[in-house]
Amino acid sequence: MIEKAGVNFSHVFGDQLPASATKSRPELTGCSWEAFGVSVVIHPQNPYAPTAHANVRFFVAQNGSNDPVWWFGGGYDLTPYYGNDEDCVHWHKTAKDACDVFSVELYPRLKANCDEYFYLPHRQEARGIGGLFFDDFNELGFNDSFAFMKSIGNSFVPAYLPILNRRRGLPFGDRERQFQLYRRGRYVEFNLVHDRGTLFGLQSKGRTESILMSLPPLARWEYSYTPQPGTPEDELYTRYLTPKEWV
């Protein structure tokens, strides 16, 4: 059912924040720092079951005698190989419900962040159908910001498990498997070229095997591949990899 899955807990610290963490916050260059995070990645074997990713994290940086600077980050996103409206609606409704407890303004903003973040500019493609993405989050104060991060983390299983259970037993053949492996190549490209978490882990000299846990066990590349119009493979590109409002 699941070809590869991983759950990582990290607690890392250092004397100077890596460049990937200070790119958007140059005022923190040279600060000591500490970070905690939990990451989950699931790559099902069945091509009709989408790959899922979730991450929640906390950072604190200290610059001399100044008050520490802290923030939360995280979210989750879904990467289908064969699109399904029911799955997309359920995924985004669960994400919206987790946000609305705190503010109805959060889901539209964090969904847009996710659509923008999980995008491969060199392919001009989205990685999947999105979800939630937030970083530098401290706007609710510590207690409520922490509660918000926990709400997002706790909603991941209810968002994903019904989808996995619906799709895991569907019959598939070599055509679907080969397309799944081809699209997994996009997952690899994003994580190695664009993902800030991967860059942060490598720059902070973390355990490489853990940092690359998110990569699928198998992937393939095909030169100048284009799906045939009107096929389910083509529908993934034309309907599901174009950001839209699902709820």
C-alpha atoms as a PDB file:
ATOM      1  CA  MET A   1       0.000   0.000   0.000  1.00  0.00           C
ATOM      2  CA  ILE A   2       2.727   2.489   1.008  1.00  0.00           C
ATOM      3  CA  GLU A   3       5.936   2.228  -0.967  1.00  0.00           C
ATOM      4  CA  LYS A   4       7.861   4.631   1.262  1.00  0.00           C
ATOM      5  CA  ALA A   5       6.961   6.794   4.233  1.00  0.00           C
ATOM      6  CA  GLY A   6       8.945   8.683   6.797  1.00  0.00           C
ATOM      7  CA  VAL A   7       8.391  10.701   9.952  1.00  0.00           C
ATOM      8  CA  ASN A   8      11.278  12.883  11.100  1.00  0.00           C
ATOM      9  CA  PHE A   9      11.710  14.826  14.316  1.00  0.00           C
ATOM     10  CA  SER A  10      14.523  17.343  14.321  1.00  0.00           C
ATOM     11  CA  HIS A  11      16.085  19.504  17.030  1.00  0.00           C
ATOM     12  CA  VAL A  12      18.971  21.499  15.623  1.00  0.00           C
ATOM     13  CA  PHE A  13      20.877  24.612  16.666  1.00  0.00           C
ATOM     14  CA  GLY A  14      23.914  26.665  15.773  1.00  0.00           C
ATOM     15  CA  ASP A  15      25.852  29.885  16.191  1.00  0.00           C
ATOM     16  CA  GLN A  16      24.777  31.418  12.871  1.00  0.00           C
ATOM     17  CA  LEU A  17      21.586  30.928  10.899  1.00  0.00           C
ATOM     18  CA  PRO A  18      22.182  29.348   7.450  1.00  0.00           C
ATOM     19  CA  ALA A  19      21.731  31.541   4.396  1.00  0.00           C
ATOM     20  CA  SER A  20      18.436  29.844   3.471  1.00  0.00           C
ATOM     21  CA  ALA A  21      16.917  31.078   6.763  1.00  0.00           C
ATOM     22  CA  THR A  22      18.172  34.661   6.538  1.00  0.00           C
ATOM     23  CA  LYS A  23      17.351  35.269   2.877  1.00  0.00           C
ATOM     24  CA  SER A  24      13.977  36.774   3.825  1.00  0.00           C
ATOM     25  CA  ARG A  25      15.188  38.025   7.230  1.00  0.00           C
ATOM     26  CA  PRO A  26      18.631  39.574   6.674  1.00  0.00           C
ATOM     27  CA  GLU A  27      18.466  41.298  10.059  1.00  0.00           C
ATOM     28  CA  LEU A  28      19.023  37.876  11.661  1.00  0.00           C
ATOM     29  CA  THR A  29      22.337  37.250   9.915  1.00  0.00           C
ATOM     30  CA  GLY A  30      24.875  36.142  12.504  1.00  0.00           C
ATOM     31  CA  CYS A  31      22.279  35.208  15.141  1.00  0.00           C
ATOM     32  CA  SER A  32      22.470  32.032  17.164  1.00  0.00           C
ATOM     33  CA  TRP A  33      19.425  29.844  16.634  1.00  0.00           C
ATOM     34  CA  GLU A  34      17.491  26.751  17.651  1.00  0.00           C
ATOM     35  CA  ALA A  35      14.811  24.906  15.713  1.00  0.00           C
ATOM     36  CA  PHE A  36      12.389  22.036  16.260  1.00  0.00           C
ATOM     37  CA  GLY A  37      10.371  20.329  13.557  1.00  0.00           C
ATOM     38  CA  VAL A  38       8.301  17.314  12.559  1.00  0.00           C
ATOM     39  CA  SER A  39       8.095  16.235   8.902  1.00  0.00           C
ATOM     40  CA  VAL A  40       5.916  13.551   7.333  1.00  0.00           C
ATOM     41  CA  VAL A  41       6.118  12.277   3.753  1.00  0.00           C
ATOM     42  CA  ILE A  42       4.044   9.396   2.326  1.00  0.00           C
ATOM     43  CA  HIS A  43       4.581   7.864  -1.117  1.00  0.00           C
ATOM     44  CA  PRO A  44       1.870   5.234  -1.812  1.00  0.00           C
ATOM     45  CA  GLN A  45       2.512   2.477  -4.338  1.00  0.00           C
ATOM     46  CA  ASN A  46      -0.850   2.830  -6.075  1.00  0.00           C
ATOM     47  CA  PRO A  47      -0.719   5.648  -8.667  1.00  0.00           C
ATOM     48  CA  TYR A  48      -4.309   6.593  -7.846  1.00  0.00           C
ATOM     49  CA  ALA A  49      -3.301   7.399  -4.261  1.00  0.00           C
ATOM     50  CA  PRO A  50      -1.549  10.770  -4.023  1.00  0.00           C
ATOM     51  CA  THR A  51       1.717  11.555  -2.283  1.00  0.00           C
ATOM     52  CA  ALA A  52       1.262  13.653   0.848  1.00  0.00           C
ATOM     53  CA  HIS A  53       3.647  15.892   2.786  1.00  0.00           C
ATOM     54  CA  ALA A  54       3.290  17.733   6.087  1.00  0.00           C
ATOM     55  CA  ASN A  55       5.656  19.770   8.224  1.00  0.00           C
ATOM     56  CA  VAL A  56       5.414  21.856  11.386  1.00  0.00           C
ATOM     57  CA  ARG A  57       8.354  23.719  12.920  1.00  0.00           C
ATOM     58  CA  PHE A  58       9.438  26.318  15.459  1.00  0.00           C
ATOM     59  CA  PHE A  59      12.440  28.655  15.221  1.00  0.00           C
ATOM     60  CA  VAL A  60      13.993  30.965  17.762  1.00  0.00           C
ATOM     61  CA  ALA A  61      16.948  33.254  17.035  1.00  0.00           C
ATOM     62  CA  GLN A  62      19.000  35.306  19.506  1.00  0.00           C
ATOM     63  CA  ASN A  63      21.179  38.297  18.733  1.00  0.00           C
ATOM     64  CA  GLY A  64      23.237  39.295  21.769  1.00  0.00           C
ATOM     65  CA  SER A  65      21.214  40.778  24.594  1.00  0.00           C
ATOM     66  CA  ASN A  66      18.171  41.554  22.435  1.00  0.00           C
ATOM     67  CA  ASP A  67      14.899  39.716  23.004  1.00  0.00           C
ATOM     68  CA  PRO A  68      14.741  36.426  21.087  1.00  0.00           C
ATOM     69  CA  VAL A  69      12.950  36.394  17.766  1.00  0.00           C
ATOM     70  CA  TRP A  70      10.632  33.401  17.286  1.00  0.00           C
ATOM     71  CA  TRP A  71       8.242  32.114  14.690  1.00  0.00           C
ATOM     72  CA  PHE A  72       6.307  29.031  13.626  1.00  0.00           C
ATOM     73  CA  GLY A  73       6.027  27.516  10.173  1.00  0.00           C
ATOM     74  CA  GLY A  74       4.638  24.535   8.332  1.00  0.00           C
ATOM     75  CA  GLY A  75       1.642  23.267   6.438  1.00  0.00           C
ATOM     76  CA  TYR A  76       0.822  20.390   4.121  1.00  0.00           C
ATOM     77  CA  ASP A  77       0.319  19.722   0.419  1.00  0.00           C
ATOM     78  CA  LEU A  78      -1.048  16.939  -1.777  1.00  0.00           C
ATOM     79  CA  THR A  79       0.543  15.608  -4.960  1.00  0.00           C
ATOM     80  CA  PRO A  80      -1.866  13.456  -6.997  1.00  0.00           C
ATOM     81  CA  TYR A  81      -0.860  11.551 -10.115  1.00  0.00           C
ATOM     82  CA  TYR A  82      -4.459  11.073 -11.220  1.00  0.00           C
ATOM     83  CA  GLY A  83      -6.782  13.859 -10.176  1.00  0.00           C
ATOM     84  CA  ASN A  84     -10.058  13.421  -8.333  1.00  0.00           C
ATOM     85  CA  ASP A  85     -12.421  16.250  -7.388  1.00  0.00           C
ATOM     86  CA  GLU A  86     -13.712  14.487  -4.279  1.00  0.00           C
ATOM     87  CA  ASP A  87     -10.191  14.193  -2.923  1.00  0.00           C
ATOM     88  CA  CYS A  88      -9.328  17.822  -3.673  1.00  0.00           C
ATOM     89  CA  VAL A  89     -12.471  19.143  -1.989  1.00  0.00           C
ATOM     90  CA  HIS A  90     -11.968  16.980   1.112  1.00  0.00           C
ATOM     91  CA  TRP A  91      -8.289  17.944   1.402  1.00  0.00           C
ATOM     92  CA  HIS A  92      -8.924  21.665   1.174  1.00  0.00           C
ATOM     93  CA  LYS A  93     -12.067  21.639   3.325  1.00  0.00           C
ATOM     94  CA  THR A  94     -10.164  19.927   6.126  1.00  0.00           C
ATOM     95  CA  ALA A  95      -7.376  22.485   5.814  1.00  0.00           C
ATOM     96  CA  LYS A  96      -9.885  25.345   5.848  1.00  0.00           C
ATOM     97  CA  ASP A  97     -11.646  23.998   8.939  1.00  0.00           C
ATOM     98  CA  ALA A  98      -8.321  23.818  10.801  1.00  0.00           C
ATOM     99  CA  CYS A  99      -7.671  27.490   9.981  1.00  0.00           C
ATOM    100  CA  ASP A 100     -11.161  28.892  10.491  1.00  0.00           C
ATOM    101  CA  VAL A 101     -11.076  28.160  14.231  1.00  0.00           C
ATOM    102  CA  PHE A 102      -8.548  30.993  14.489  1.00  0.00           C
ATOM    103  CA  SER A 103      -9.570  33.303  11.634  1.00  0.00           C
ATOM    104  CA  VAL A 104     -11.487  32.928   8.386  1.00  0.00           C
ATOM    105  CA  GLU A 105      -8.806  35.092   6.767  1.00  0.00           C
ATOM    106  CA  LEU A 106      -6.045  32.509   7.297  1.00  0.00           C
ATOM    107  CA  TYR A 107      -7.044  29.747   4.863  1.00  0.00           C
ATOM    108  CA  PRO A 108      -7.222  31.924   1.696  1.00  0.00           C
ATOM    109  CA  ARG A 109      -3.847  33.474   2.494  1.00  0.00           C
ATOM    110  CA  LEU A 110      -2.075  30.236   3.404  1.00  0.00           C
ATOM    111  CA  LYS A 111      -3.584  28.406   0.436  1.00  0.00           C
ATOM    112  CA  ALA A 112      -2.254  31.115  -1.880  1.00  0.00           C
ATOM    113  CA  ASN A 113       1.139  30.845  -0.162  1.00  0.00           C
ATOM    114  CA  CYS A 114       1.124  27.097  -0.814  1.00  0.00           C
ATOM    115  CA  ASP A 115       0.178  27.487  -4.475  1.00  0.00           C
ATOM    116  CA  GLU A 116       3.019  29.965  -4.899  1.00  0.00           C
ATOM    117  CA  TYR A 117       5.604  27.977  -2.938  1.00  0.00           C
ATOM    118  CA  PHE A 118       5.109  24.490  -4.370  1.00  0.00           C
ATOM    119  CA  TYR A 119       5.684  25.600  -7.945  1.00  0.00           C
ATOM    120  CA  LEU A 120       8.492  24.573 -10.295  1.00  0.00           C
ATOM    121  CA  PRO A 121       9.410  27.715 -12.255  1.00  0.00           C
ATOM    122  CA  HIS A 122      11.771  25.819 -14.567  1.00  0.00           C
ATOM    123  CA  ARG A 123       8.826  23.594 -15.577  1.00  0.00           C
ATOM    124  CA  GLN A 124       6.129  26.243 -15.174  1.00  0.00           C
ATOM    125  CA  GLU A 125       4.120  23.645 -13.281  1.00  0.00           C
ATOM    126  CA  ALA A 126       2.606  23.264  -9.845  1.00  0.00           C
ATOM    127  CA  ARG A 127       3.860  20.289  -7.852  1.00  0.00           C
ATOM    128  CA  GLY A 128       0.344  19.269  -6.890  1.00  0.00           C
ATOM    129  CA  ILE A 129      -3.007  20.671  -5.761  1.00  0.00           C
ATOM    130  CA  GLY A 130      -1.578  22.617  -2.826  1.00  0.00           C
ATOM    131  CA  GLY A 131      -2.932  22.936   0.680  1.00  0.00           C
ATOM    132  CA  LEU A 132      -1.436  25.239   3.327  1.00  0.00           C
ATOM    133  CA  PHE A 133       1.954  26.897   3.724  1.00  0.00           C
ATOM    134  CA  PHE A 134       3.045  29.398   6.364  1.00  0.00           C
ATOM    135  CA  ASP A 135       6.351  30.687   7.677  1.00  0.00           C
ATOM    136  CA  ASP A 136       7.520  33.517   9.950  1.00  0.00           C
ATOM    137  CA  PHE A 137       4.186  33.089  11.749  1.00  0.00           C
ATOM    138  CA  ASN A 138       3.842  34.872  15.103  1.00  0.00           C
ATOM    139  CA  GLU A 139       0.906  37.181  14.468  1.00  0.00           C
ATOM    140  CA  LEU A 140      -1.405  35.564  17.038  1.00  0.00           C
ATOM    141  CA  GLY A 141       1.025  35.821  19.951  1.00  0.00           C
ATOM    142  CA  PHE A 142       2.938  32.808  21.229  1.00  0.00           C
ATOM    143  CA  ASN A 143       0.134  30.757  22.794  1.00  0.00           C
ATOM    144  CA  ASP A 144      -2.358  31.119  19.941  1.00  0.00           C
ATOM    145  CA  SER A 145       0.318  30.807  17.250  1.00  0.00           C
ATOM    146  CA  PHE A 146       1.435  27.539  18.883  1.00  0.00           C
ATOM    147  CA  ALA A 147      -2.180  26.367  19.071  1.00  0.00           C
ATOM    148  CA  PHE A 148      -2.653  27.232  15.412  1.00  0.00           C
ATOM    149  CA  MET A 149       0.408  25.197  14.409  1.00  0.00           C
ATOM    150  CA  LYS A 150      -0.913  22.240  16.413  1.00  0.00           C
ATOM    151  CA  SER A 151      -4.321  22.571  14.739  1.00  0.00           C
ATOM    152  CA  ILE A 152      -2.692  22.301  11.331  1.00  0.00           C
ATOM    153  CA  GLY A 153      -0.569  19.333  12.405  1.00  0.00           C
ATOM    154  CA  ASN A 154      -3.519  17.517  13.970  1.00  0.00           C
ATOM    155  CA  SER A 155      -5.647  17.971  10.833  1.00  0.00           C
ATOM    156  CA  PHE A 156      -3.198  16.201   8.521  1.00  0.00           C
ATOM    157  CA  VAL A 157      -4.343  12.630   9.229  1.00  0.00           C
ATOM    158  CA  PRO A 158      -8.072  13.482   8.866  1.00  0.00           C
ATOM    159  CA  ALA A 159      -7.210  15.265   5.612  1.00  0.00           C
ATOM    160  CA  TYR A 160      -5.181  12.436   4.090  1.00  0.00           C
ATOM    161  CA  LEU A 161      -6.337   9.083   5.487  1.00  0.00           C
ATOM    162  CA  PRO A 162      -9.814   9.047   3.862  1.00  0.00           C
ATOM    163  CA  ILE A 163      -8.192   9.790   0.488  1.00  0.00           C
ATOM    164  CA  LEU A 164      -5.630   7.023   0.928  1.00  0.00           C
ATOM    165  CA  ASN A 165      -8.303   4.530   1.981  1.00  0.00           C
ATOM    166  CA  ARG A 166     -10.467   5.383  -1.051  1.00  0.00           C
ATOM    167  CA  ARG A 167      -7.665   5.009  -3.602  1.00  0.00           C
ATOM    168  CA  ARG A 168      -5.261   2.387  -2.264  1.00  0.00           C
ATOM    169  CA  GLY A 169      -7.123  -0.629  -3.675  1.00  0.00           C
ATOM    170  CA  LEU A 170      -7.963   0.657  -7.153  1.00  0.00           C
ATOM    171  CA  PRO A 171      -6.610  -1.543  -9.974  1.00  0.00           C
ATOM    172  CA  PHE A 172      -3.780  -0.104 -12.063  1.00  0.00           C
ATOM    173  CA  GLY A 173      -1.371  -1.239 -14.753  1.00  0.00           C
ATOM    174  CA  ASP A 174       2.038  -0.394 -16.138  1.00  0.00           C
ATOM    175  CA  ARG A 175       0.774   2.748 -17.888  1.00  0.00           C
ATOM    176  CA  GLU A 176      -0.384   4.282 -14.619  1.00  0.00           C
ATOM    177  CA  ARG A 177       2.752   3.145 -12.809  1.00  0.00           C
ATOM    178  CA  GLN A 178       5.063   4.658 -15.407  1.00  0.00           C
ATOM    179  CA  PHE A 179       3.190   7.967 -15.277  1.00  0.00           C
ATOM    180  CA  GLN A 180       3.400   7.966 -11.491  1.00  0.00           C
ATOM    181  CA  LEU A 181       7.172   7.455 -11.651  1.00  0.00           C
ATOM    182  CA  TYR A 182       7.473  10.224 -14.243  1.00  0.00           C
ATOM    183  CA  ARG A 183       5.546  12.681 -12.077  1.00  0.00           C
ATOM    184  CA  ARG A 184       7.601  11.662  -9.063  1.00  0.00           C
ATOM    185  CA  GLY A 185      10.535  13.110 -10.980  1.00  0.00           C
ATOM    186  CA  ARG A 186       8.907  16.526 -10.520  1.00  0.00           C
ATOM    187  CA  TYR A 187       8.773  15.878  -6.783  1.00  0.00           C
ATOM    188  CA  VAL A 188      12.496  15.154  -6.787  1.00  0.00           C
ATOM    189  CA  GLU A 189      13.261  18.264  -8.828  1.00  0.00           C
ATOM    190  CA  PHE A 190      11.362  20.531  -6.472  1.00  0.00           C
ATOM    191  CA  ASN A 191      12.865  19.104  -3.309  1.00  0.00           C
ATOM    192  CA  LEU A 192      16.442  19.247  -4.568  1.00  0.00           C
ATOM    193  CA  VAL A 193      16.284  22.588  -6.384  1.00  0.00           C
ATOM    194  CA  HIS A 194      13.691  24.772  -4.651  1.00  0.00           C
ATOM    195  CA  ASP A 195      12.673  23.427  -1.240  1.00  0.00           C
ATOM    196  CA  ARG A 196      13.880  25.715   1.555  1.00  0.00           C
ATOM    197  CA  GLY A 197      13.690  22.943   4.145  1.00  0.00           C
ATOM    198  CA  THR A 198      16.065  20.754   2.142  1.00  0.00           C
ATOM    199  CA  LEU A 199      18.471  23.653   1.638  1.00  0.00           C
ATOM    200  CA  PHE A 200      18.301  24.580   5.321  1.00  0.00           C
ATOM    201  CA  GLY A 201      19.017  21.015   6.394  1.00  0.00           C
ATOM    202  CA  LEU A 202      22.017  20.672   4.108  1.00  0.00           C
ATOM    203  CA  GLN A 203      23.403  24.118   4.970  1.00  0.00           C
ATOM    204  CA  SER A 204      23.051  23.434   8.710  1.00  0.00           C
ATOM    205  CA  LYS A 205      24.997  20.167   8.270  1.00  0.00           C
ATOM    206  CA  GLY A 206      22.139  17.929   9.301  1.00  0.00           C
ATOM    207  CA  ARG A 207      21.967  14.186   8.699  1.00  0.00           C
ATOM    208  CA  THR A 208      21.786  13.854   4.919  1.00  0.00           C
ATOM    209  CA  GLU A 209      19.802  10.605   4.940  1.00  0.00           C
ATOM    210  CA  SER A 210      17.108  12.232   7.089  1.00  0.00           C
ATOM    211  CA  ILE A 211      17.037  15.413   4.996  1.00  0.00           C
ATOM    212  CA  LEU A 212      16.507  13.399   1.806  1.00  0.00           C
ATOM    213  CA  MET A 213      13.886  11.158   3.408  1.00  0.00           C
ATOM    214  CA  SER A 214      11.233  13.063   1.454  1.00  0.00           C
ATOM    215  CA  LEU A 215      12.416  11.717  -1.903  1.00  0.00           C
ATOM    216  CA  PRO A 216      10.456   8.830  -3.457  1.00  0.00           C
ATOM    217  CA  PRO A 217      12.144   5.415  -3.671  1.00  0.00           C
ATOM    218  CA  LEU A 218      11.760   5.294  -7.466  1.00  0.00           C
ATOM    219  CA  ALA A 219      11.334   7.971 -10.128  1.00  0.00           C
ATOM    220  CA  ARG A 220      11.927   8.314 -13.865  1.00  0.00           C
ATOM    221  CA  TRP A 221      12.554  11.012 -16.438  1.00  0.00           C
ATOM    222  CA  GLU A 222      11.511  10.944 -20.094  1.00  0.00           C
ATOM    223  CA  TYR A 223      12.781  13.408 -22.654  1.00  0.00           C
ATOM    224  CA  SER A 224      10.177  15.924 -23.842  1.00  0.00           C
ATOM    225  CA  TYR A 225       7.180  13.877 -22.678  1.00  0.00           C
ATOM    226  CA  THR A 226       3.701  15.260 -23.396  1.00  0.00           C
ATOM    227  CA  PRO A 227       0.525  13.350 -22.454  1.00  0.00           C
ATOM    228  CA  GLN A 228      -2.022  12.671 -25.156  1.00  0.00           C
ATOM    229  CA  PRO A 229      -4.913  15.171 -25.160  1.00  0.00           C
ATOM    230  CA  GLY A 230      -8.075  13.889 -23.542  1.00  0.00           C
ATOM    231  CA  THR A 231      -6.337  11.239 -21.435  1.00  0.00           C
ATOM    232  CA  PRO A 232      -6.434  11.072 -17.612  1.00  0.00           C
ATOM    233  CA  GLU A 233      -2.741  11.963 -17.669  1.00  0.00           C
ATOM    234  CA  ASP A 234      -3.473  15.105 -19.659  1.00  0.00           C
ATOM    235  CA  GLU A 235      -6.320  15.990 -17.301  1.00  0.00           C
ATOM    236  CA  LEU A 236      -3.851  16.158 -14.411  1.00  0.00           C
ATOM    237  CA  TYR A 237      -2.104  19.043 -16.158  1.00  0.00           C
ATOM    238  CA  THR A 238      -5.131  20.853 -17.534  1.00  0.00           C
ATOM    239  CA  ARG A 239      -7.475  20.586 -14.539  1.00  0.00           C
ATOM    240  CA  TYR A 240      -5.563  19.741 -11.366  1.00  0.00           C
ATOM    241  CA  LEU A 241      -2.160  21.407 -11.655  1.00  0.00           C
ATOM    242  CA  THR A 242      -3.811  24.769 -12.252  1.00  0.00           C
ATOM    243  CA  PRO A 243      -4.522  26.470  -8.897  1.00  0.00           C
ATOM    244  CA  LYS A 244      -8.223  26.850  -8.207  1.00  0.00           C
ATOM    245  CA  GLU A 245     -10.617  27.333  -5.319  1.00  0.00           C
ATOM    246  CA  TRP A 246     -11.788  23.900  -4.196  1.00  0.00           C
ATOM    247  CA  VAL A 247     -13.935  25.059  -1.254  1.00  0.00           C
END
